[in-house]
Amino acid sequence: MIYLDNAATTKPDEECLKLAEKYLQSQYFNPSALYKGGYSLQVELRESRKNILSLIADEENFELIFTSCGTEADNTAIFGGGRRGNVITTEGEHSAVHSAVVELKQRGIEVRFAKLNPDGSVNVQHLLSLIDDKTSLVSVIHVNNETGAVNDVVSIAKAVKAKNKFTLFHSDGVQAFGKIPFKLTKDIDMYSVSAHKIGGIKGCGALIKRKSLIIKPLIYGGGQEKGLRSGTENVFGIKNFEYASLKRYKDIKDNYSKVQKLQELLWNGLDKDIFTRISAENCSPYILCVGVEGLRGETILHEADDKGLIIGTGSACASNDKKRYSRTILACGVSESLADGILRLSLSPSNTEEEMIKSAQILNEITANRKAIMA
């Protein structure tokens, strides 16, 4: 099997699973308990929080709230920050942000959408033109989960604050964390991350926020995570997240270079008479988005699966959406006939050159045969 759907989820790292196993088997206590075993886990959680936070932010100005996933982190940011006036986001956001702002609109908050460039990055000039003195929140995805386009959220956040210093800035960093070297700046108020995109397990994420920022929680109860995310902490998931994060960041630059070469090899192997590249040359190397005119991406996906190649057709989180075409891909200016044949090939450092060559061969064979049948 060749697995090229790493933007949807990654295989849990076996070493990190083994390190965290004791938090399931022997150190299974409730961290809120007053006995020694419970208190020791509180200390462990503080260590995890500090270690993950240190990878992209300074502890003096930022804090980290553990959540159940990146979607919950995004929702906490959107509903916590977009409480008045208008909220601005892009036409290319993950459904965790897009669906949340649609709900804000139902609650009476004005929502404005910034246009995309052809590669899926935000049109910054249009985004900034939407900001006024009533803008409470701007949310811009760091790495587009369908095209891999990288938004320069540092410069965008700075420009947003220059237009309205009271506007909060949030970024969904789920496809960037552990893959793109990056540090939070004072202009970024909130940033969402997830464990299972970098070799951690599903069910664990985090919202990193500016310490001085006060937001209301989504979940109320026992007051865990400083009252910002109640619920007994998933110690196993959190420790696994910590180990996976530290491991990814240890080799982040080498991994970036390796995956960049793999993506180039994969693209060079695809038949240019059949495949159209949607991802820009400077996109995240971890995501390659291509389209096939006249064929359905879902059909190609299933046939590739039969041949031992696992790929995606876009955001896995939108697979339950009954709409035929991706709103993000259409917002890039792609025609419906090409948008119907979109494939998302997403890589990881564990992929090999041999897999890239074989994947290109499989996709070329499938699409050429389909084209021949339709001719």
Protein backbone atom coordinates (compact mmCIF):
# COMPACT_ATOMS: atom_id res chain seq x y z
CA MET A 1 0.00 0.00 0.00
CA ILE A 2 1.12 3.53 -0.84
CA TYR A 3 -0.47 6.16 1.42
CA LEU A 4 -0.77 9.69 -0.01
CA ASP A 5 -3.60 11.13 2.08
CA ASN A 6 -1.50 12.52 4.93
CA ALA A 7 -3.34 15.85 4.94
CA ALA A 8 -6.40 13.90 6.11
CA THR A 9 -4.51 12.01 8.80
CA THR A 10 -1.10 10.47 9.35
CA LYS A 11 -0.07 7.06 10.62
CA PRO A 12 0.57 7.32 14.38
CA ASP A 13 4.29 7.24 15.11
CA GLU A 14 5.08 3.91 16.81
CA GLU A 15 7.87 5.33 18.97
CA CYS A 16 5.61 8.11 20.27
CA LEU A 17 2.80 5.62 20.94
CA LYS A 18 5.17 3.44 22.95
CA LEU A 19 6.41 6.38 25.03
CA ALA A 20 2.84 7.43 25.87
CA GLU A 21 1.53 3.91 26.51
CA LYS A 22 2.06 4.10 30.26
CA TYR A 23 -0.58 6.86 30.49
CA LEU A 24 -3.13 4.27 29.42
CA GLN A 25 -1.82 1.24 31.28
CA SER A 26 -0.44 2.39 34.65
CA GLN A 27 -0.68 6.18 34.98
CA TYR A 28 -4.37 6.35 34.09
CA PHE A 29 -5.43 8.61 36.98
CA ASN A 30 -7.62 11.71 36.73
CA PRO A 31 -5.27 14.73 36.67
CA SER A 32 -7.75 16.68 38.82
CA ALA A 33 -7.57 14.12 41.63
CA LEU A 34 -5.89 15.24 44.85
CA TYR A 35 -3.92 12.07 45.52
CA LYS A 36 -0.27 11.78 44.48
CA GLY A 37 -0.95 9.93 41.21
CA GLY A 38 -3.40 12.58 40.03
CA TYR A 39 -1.14 15.48 40.99
CA SER A 40 1.83 13.90 39.21
CA LEU A 41 -0.19 13.91 36.00
CA GLN A 42 -0.93 17.61 36.44
CA VAL A 43 2.82 18.13 36.47
CA GLU A 44 3.12 16.00 33.31
CA LEU A 45 0.45 18.11 31.56
CA ARG A 46 2.27 21.33 32.45
CA GLU A 47 5.41 19.85 30.93
CA SER A 48 3.55 18.89 27.73
CA ARG A 49 1.97 22.33 27.47
CA LYS A 50 5.33 24.04 27.88
CA ASN A 51 7.14 21.78 25.41
CA ILE A 52 4.57 22.07 22.61
CA LEU A 53 4.14 25.81 23.07
CA SER A 54 7.90 26.42 22.97
CA LEU A 55 8.08 25.08 19.43
CA ILE A 56 6.24 28.04 17.88
CA ALA A 57 5.66 30.66 20.59
CA ASP A 58 7.19 32.24 23.68
CA GLU A 59 5.72 31.25 27.04
CA GLU A 60 5.84 34.83 28.31
CA ASN A 61 3.19 36.06 25.86
CA PHE A 62 1.27 32.95 24.81
CA GLU A 63 -0.54 30.04 26.45
CA LEU A 64 -1.85 26.73 25.16
CA ILE A 65 -5.31 25.23 25.69
CA PHE A 66 -5.65 21.52 24.95
CA THR A 67 -8.74 20.56 22.93
CA SER A 68 -10.15 17.39 21.40
CA CYS A 69 -9.07 18.35 17.86
CA GLY A 70 -8.20 21.18 15.48
CA THR A 71 -11.88 21.71 14.71
CA GLU A 72 -12.66 22.42 18.35
CA ALA A 73 -9.69 24.79 18.52
CA ASP A 74 -10.97 26.65 15.44
CA ASN A 75 -14.48 26.82 16.84
CA THR A 76 -13.23 28.13 20.18
CA ALA A 77 -11.36 30.89 18.37
CA ILE A 78 -14.23 31.83 16.04
CA PHE A 79 -16.99 31.86 18.63
CA GLY A 80 -14.73 33.36 21.28
CA GLY A 81 -13.40 36.15 19.06
CA GLY A 82 -16.26 36.92 16.68
CA ARG A 83 -18.81 38.27 19.11
CA ARG A 84 -19.71 41.64 17.59
CA GLY A 85 -19.66 43.77 14.44
CA ASN A 86 -18.33 41.81 11.49
CA VAL A 87 -16.03 38.83 11.01
CA ILE A 88 -13.73 38.37 8.01
CA THR A 89 -12.30 35.13 6.68
CA THR A 90 -11.29 33.69 3.32
CA GLU A 91 -13.17 31.68 0.71
CA GLY A 92 -10.62 28.90 1.17
CA GLU A 93 -10.95 28.04 4.85
CA HIS A 94 -11.25 24.54 6.25
CA SER A 95 -14.85 23.62 7.07
CA ALA A 96 -14.04 23.99 10.79
CA VAL A 97 -13.76 27.75 10.24
CA HIS A 98 -16.17 28.12 7.31
CA SER A 99 -19.06 26.33 9.02
CA ALA A 100 -18.41 28.23 12.24
CA VAL A 101 -18.63 31.65 10.58
CA VAL A 102 -21.79 30.56 8.74
CA GLU A 103 -23.25 29.83 12.16
CA LEU A 104 -22.12 33.27 13.35
CA LYS A 105 -24.07 34.75 10.45
CA GLN A 106 -27.16 32.89 11.66
CA ARG A 107 -26.62 34.54 15.04
CA GLY A 108 -26.62 38.03 13.56
CA ILE A 109 -22.89 38.65 13.01
CA GLU A 110 -21.99 40.02 9.58
CA VAL A 111 -19.53 37.72 7.78
CA ARG A 112 -17.29 38.88 4.93
CA PHE A 113 -15.28 36.56 2.68
CA ALA A 114 -11.97 37.53 1.06
CA LYS A 115 -11.31 36.25 -2.46
CA LEU A 116 -8.62 33.73 -3.35
CA ASN A 117 -5.74 33.78 -5.79
CA PRO A 118 -5.60 30.95 -8.38
CA ASP A 119 -3.37 28.82 -6.10
CA GLY A 120 -5.75 29.03 -3.12
CA SER A 121 -3.90 31.71 -1.17
CA VAL A 122 -5.90 34.70 0.02
CA ASN A 123 -6.03 37.91 -2.00
CA VAL A 124 -4.51 40.09 0.72
CA GLN A 125 -5.52 43.39 -0.90
CA HIS A 126 -9.17 42.31 -0.97
CA LEU A 127 -8.97 40.98 2.59
CA LEU A 128 -7.64 44.28 3.92
CA SER A 129 -10.28 46.25 2.01
CA LEU A 130 -12.99 44.43 3.98
CA ILE A 131 -11.71 45.59 7.39
CA ASP A 132 -13.41 48.52 9.11
CA ASP A 133 -13.81 49.87 12.64
CA LYS A 134 -16.42 47.21 13.44
CA THR A 135 -14.31 44.17 12.46
CA SER A 136 -13.93 41.99 15.56
CA LEU A 137 -12.08 39.02 14.06
CA VAL A 138 -10.08 38.04 10.98
CA SER A 139 -9.28 34.36 10.40
CA VAL A 140 -6.84 33.28 7.67
CA ILE A 141 -5.73 29.68 7.18
CA HIS A 142 -1.93 29.27 7.31
CA VAL A 143 -1.61 26.42 4.80
CA ASN A 144 -4.64 25.69 2.63
CA ASN A 145 -5.71 22.11 3.30
CA GLU A 146 -6.73 21.47 -0.33
CA THR A 147 -4.13 23.27 -2.47
CA GLY A 148 -1.22 23.63 -0.03
CA ALA A 149 -1.03 27.39 -0.63
CA VAL A 150 0.93 29.12 2.15
CA ASN A 151 -0.44 32.40 3.48
CA ASP A 152 2.11 34.72 5.08
CA VAL A 153 0.07 35.07 8.25
CA VAL A 154 2.79 37.09 9.99
CA SER A 155 2.64 39.93 7.47
CA ILE A 156 -1.14 39.59 7.04
CA ALA A 157 -1.72 39.83 10.80
CA LYS A 158 0.52 42.90 10.99
CA ALA A 159 -1.42 44.57 8.15
CA VAL A 160 -4.74 43.71 9.81
CA LYS A 161 -3.63 45.35 13.07
CA ALA A 162 -2.45 48.41 11.15
CA LYS A 163 -6.00 48.88 9.83
CA ASN A 164 -7.73 48.14 13.14
CA LYS A 165 -5.64 47.52 16.23
CA PHE A 166 -8.64 46.10 18.10
CA THR A 167 -9.32 43.37 15.53
CA LEU A 168 -8.37 39.88 16.68
CA PHE A 169 -6.37 37.69 14.29
CA HIS A 170 -6.71 33.90 14.18
CA SER A 171 -5.07 31.34 11.94
CA ASP A 172 -5.87 27.67 11.38
CA GLY A 173 -2.36 26.22 11.51
CA VAL A 174 -3.31 22.54 11.36
CA GLN A 175 -1.55 21.90 8.01
CA ALA A 176 1.45 24.07 8.96
CA PHE A 177 2.33 22.93 12.49
CA GLY A 178 5.23 20.47 12.42
CA LYS A 179 5.75 20.99 8.69
CA ILE A 180 6.51 24.67 8.03
CA PRO A 181 9.17 26.43 10.18
CA PHE A 182 7.28 29.25 11.87
CA LYS A 183 6.99 31.37 15.03
CA LEU A 184 3.98 33.28 16.34
CA THR A 185 4.28 37.07 16.55
CA LYS A 186 2.51 39.59 18.77
CA ASP A 187 0.01 40.37 15.99
CA ILE A 188 -1.35 36.79 15.96
CA ASP A 189 -3.89 36.36 18.75
CA MET A 190 -4.94 32.73 18.26
CA TYR A 191 -3.54 29.73 16.38
CA SER A 192 -5.00 26.21 16.02
CA VAL A 193 -3.00 22.96 15.83
CA SER A 194 -3.74 19.23 15.74
CA ALA A 195 -1.90 16.05 16.73
CA HIS A 196 -3.00 13.53 14.11
CA LYS A 197 -1.56 15.50 11.18
CA ILE A 198 2.01 14.97 12.45
CA GLY A 199 2.12 11.37 13.65
CA GLY A 200 0.07 11.84 16.81
CA ILE A 201 -3.28 10.20 17.51
CA LYS A 202 -6.76 11.47 16.71
CA GLY A 203 -8.66 13.18 19.50
CA CYS A 204 -6.12 15.79 20.56
CA GLY A 205 -5.45 19.36 19.44
CA ALA A 206 -4.77 22.76 20.90
CA LEU A 207 -5.56 26.45 20.64
CA ILE A 208 -2.59 28.71 21.27
CA LYS A 209 -3.67 32.18 22.37
CA ARG A 210 -2.21 35.43 23.54
CA LYS A 211 -2.16 35.38 27.36
CA SER A 212 -3.81 38.78 27.72
CA LEU A 213 -6.71 37.79 25.46
CA ILE A 214 -9.93 36.93 27.29
CA ILE A 215 -12.34 34.60 25.48
CA LYS A 216 -15.34 32.57 26.59
CA PRO A 217 -15.18 28.75 26.43
CA LEU A 218 -17.32 26.49 24.27
CA ILE A 219 -17.48 23.75 26.90
CA TYR A 220 -18.37 24.34 30.55
CA GLY A 221 -17.96 21.95 33.48
CA GLY A 222 -15.09 21.14 35.80
CA GLY A 223 -12.92 24.12 34.90
CA GLN A 224 -10.02 22.26 33.33
CA GLU A 225 -7.58 24.19 31.10
CA LYS A 226 -8.05 27.33 33.22
CA GLY A 227 -11.79 27.11 32.64
CA LEU A 228 -11.37 27.47 28.89
CA ARG A 229 -11.96 23.78 28.04
CA SER A 230 -13.71 21.72 30.70
CA GLY A 231 -13.54 17.93 30.59
CA THR A 232 -11.14 15.38 32.04
CA GLU A 233 -7.87 15.75 30.18
CA ASN A 234 -6.83 13.14 27.62
CA VAL A 235 -3.43 12.56 29.21
CA PHE A 236 -2.44 9.76 26.83
CA GLY A 237 -3.37 11.86 23.79
CA ILE A 238 -1.65 14.96 25.14
CA LYS A 239 1.60 13.17 25.99
CA ASN A 240 1.52 11.46 22.59
CA PHE A 241 0.97 14.90 21.00
CA GLU A 242 3.98 16.24 22.90
CA TYR A 243 6.26 13.41 21.78
CA ALA A 244 5.09 13.62 18.15
CA SER A 245 5.57 17.41 18.11
CA LEU A 246 9.07 17.27 19.55
CA LYS A 247 10.05 14.54 17.09
CA ARG A 248 8.67 16.43 14.06
CA TYR A 249 10.31 19.73 15.03
CA LYS A 250 13.64 18.07 15.65
CA ASP A 251 13.85 17.28 11.92
CA ILE A 252 11.47 19.89 10.52
CA LYS A 253 13.94 21.45 8.06
CA ASP A 254 15.30 18.12 6.83
CA ASN A 255 11.76 16.78 6.47
CA TYR A 256 10.75 19.86 4.50
CA SER A 257 13.61 19.39 2.05
CA LYS A 258 12.93 15.67 1.71
CA VAL A 259 9.21 16.10 1.07
CA GLN A 260 9.93 18.94 -1.37
CA LYS A 261 12.03 16.55 -3.47
CA LEU A 262 9.36 13.86 -3.23
CA GLN A 263 6.65 16.23 -4.42
CA GLU A 264 8.80 17.34 -7.34
CA LEU A 265 9.44 13.71 -8.30
CA LEU A 266 5.73 12.92 -8.14
CA TRP A 267 4.71 15.92 -10.24
CA ASN A 268 7.43 15.26 -12.82
CA GLY A 269 6.15 11.70 -13.17
CA LEU A 270 2.56 12.70 -13.95
CA ASP A 271 1.44 12.99 -17.59
CA LYS A 272 1.19 16.74 -18.30
CA ASP A 273 -1.23 16.07 -21.17
CA ILE A 274 -3.68 14.70 -18.59
CA PHE A 275 -2.96 16.43 -15.27
CA THR A 276 -3.33 20.15 -14.55
CA ARG A 277 -1.45 21.48 -11.53
CA ILE A 278 -3.51 23.61 -9.11
CA SER A 279 -0.88 23.92 -6.36
CA ALA A 280 1.67 26.67 -6.95
CA GLU A 281 5.40 25.94 -7.14
CA ASN A 282 5.87 27.62 -3.74
CA CYS A 283 3.06 25.76 -2.00
CA SER A 284 3.61 23.49 0.98
CA PRO A 285 5.58 20.47 -0.28
CA TYR A 286 3.27 18.28 1.78
CA ILE A 287 0.28 18.87 -0.53
CA LEU A 288 0.07 18.54 -4.32
CA CYS A 289 -3.32 19.37 -5.82
CA VAL A 290 -3.94 18.39 -9.44
CA GLY A 291 -6.98 18.13 -11.69
CA VAL A 292 -8.04 15.93 -14.60
CA GLU A 293 -10.39 17.51 -17.14
CA GLY A 294 -13.42 15.40 -17.98
CA LEU A 295 -12.95 12.72 -15.29
CA ARG A 296 -14.35 12.47 -11.77
CA GLY A 297 -11.80 12.57 -8.99
CA GLU A 298 -13.86 10.17 -6.90
CA THR A 299 -13.74 7.57 -9.69
CA ILE A 300 -9.95 7.88 -9.95
CA LEU A 301 -9.67 7.64 -6.15
CA HIS A 302 -11.58 4.33 -6.00
CA GLU A 303 -9.67 2.80 -8.88
CA ALA A 304 -6.36 3.88 -7.34
CA ASP A 305 -7.47 2.33 -4.05
CA ASP A 306 -8.03 -0.98 -5.86
CA LYS A 307 -4.43 -0.76 -7.08
CA GLY A 308 -3.01 -0.10 -3.62
CA LEU A 309 -2.69 3.70 -3.83
CA ILE A 310 -4.60 5.78 -1.27
CA ILE A 311 -5.21 9.43 -2.24
CA GLY A 312 -7.77 12.16 -1.56
CA THR A 313 -10.03 14.37 -3.62
CA GLY A 314 -9.97 17.33 -1.24
CA SER A 315 -10.68 17.89 2.42
CA ALA A 316 -11.63 14.62 4.13
CA CYS A 317 -13.64 16.66 6.64
CA ALA A 318 -15.91 17.78 3.79
CA SER A 319 -16.59 14.27 2.48
CA ASN A 320 -20.07 14.33 4.04
CA ASP A 321 -20.93 17.50 2.13
CA LYS A 322 -23.33 16.61 -0.67
CA LYS A 323 -22.06 19.39 -2.94
CA ARG A 324 -20.30 17.99 -5.99
CA TYR A 325 -17.59 20.64 -6.29
CA SER A 326 -15.18 21.97 -3.66
CA ARG A 327 -16.03 25.58 -2.79
CA THR A 328 -12.30 26.24 -2.29
CA ILE A 329 -11.32 24.92 -5.71
CA LEU A 330 -14.10 26.89 -7.41
CA ALA A 331 -12.98 30.00 -5.51
CA CYS A 332 -9.55 29.53 -7.13
CA GLY A 333 -11.23 30.16 -10.48
CA VAL A 334 -11.15 26.52 -11.60
CA SER A 335 -13.90 25.49 -14.02
CA GLU A 336 -16.51 22.95 -12.86
CA SER A 337 -15.31 20.41 -15.43
CA LEU A 338 -11.80 20.52 -13.97
CA ALA A 339 -13.01 20.87 -10.37
CA ASP A 340 -14.85 17.58 -10.84
CA GLY A 341 -11.51 15.83 -11.41
CA ILE A 342 -9.53 17.25 -8.47
CA LEU A 343 -7.08 14.99 -6.63
CA ARG A 344 -5.17 15.86 -3.45
CA LEU A 345 -1.89 13.97 -3.10
CA SER A 346 -0.50 14.65 0.36
CA LEU A 347 2.88 13.42 1.53
CA SER A 348 4.81 12.67 4.70
CA PRO A 349 8.52 12.26 5.51
CA SER A 350 7.97 8.49 5.63
CA ASN A 351 7.12 8.34 1.92
CA THR A 352 9.85 7.18 -0.48
CA GLU A 353 11.06 8.04 -3.98
CA GLU A 354 9.97 4.59 -5.18
CA GLU A 355 6.45 5.33 -3.95
CA MET A 356 6.37 8.60 -5.89
CA ILE A 357 7.42 6.90 -9.12
CA LYS A 358 4.91 4.07 -8.65
CA SER A 359 2.10 6.49 -7.71
CA ALA A 360 2.62 8.52 -10.88
CA GLN A 361 2.58 5.33 -12.94
CA ILE A 362 -0.68 4.17 -11.37
CA LEU A 363 -2.40 7.54 -11.85
CA ASN A 364 -1.16 7.87 -15.44
CA GLU A 365 -2.45 4.38 -16.26
CA ILE A 366 -5.86 4.91 -14.66
CA THR A 367 -6.53 8.28 -16.25
CA ALA A 368 -5.18 7.30 -19.70
CA ASN A 369 -7.44 4.24 -19.74
CA ARG A 370 -10.43 6.29 -18.64
CA LYS A 371 -9.73 8.89 -21.31
CA ALA A 372 -9.44 6.15 -23.95
CA ILE A 373 -12.79 4.64 -22.94
CA MET A 374 -14.48 8.04 -23.19
CA ALA A 375 -12.92 8.89 -26.56
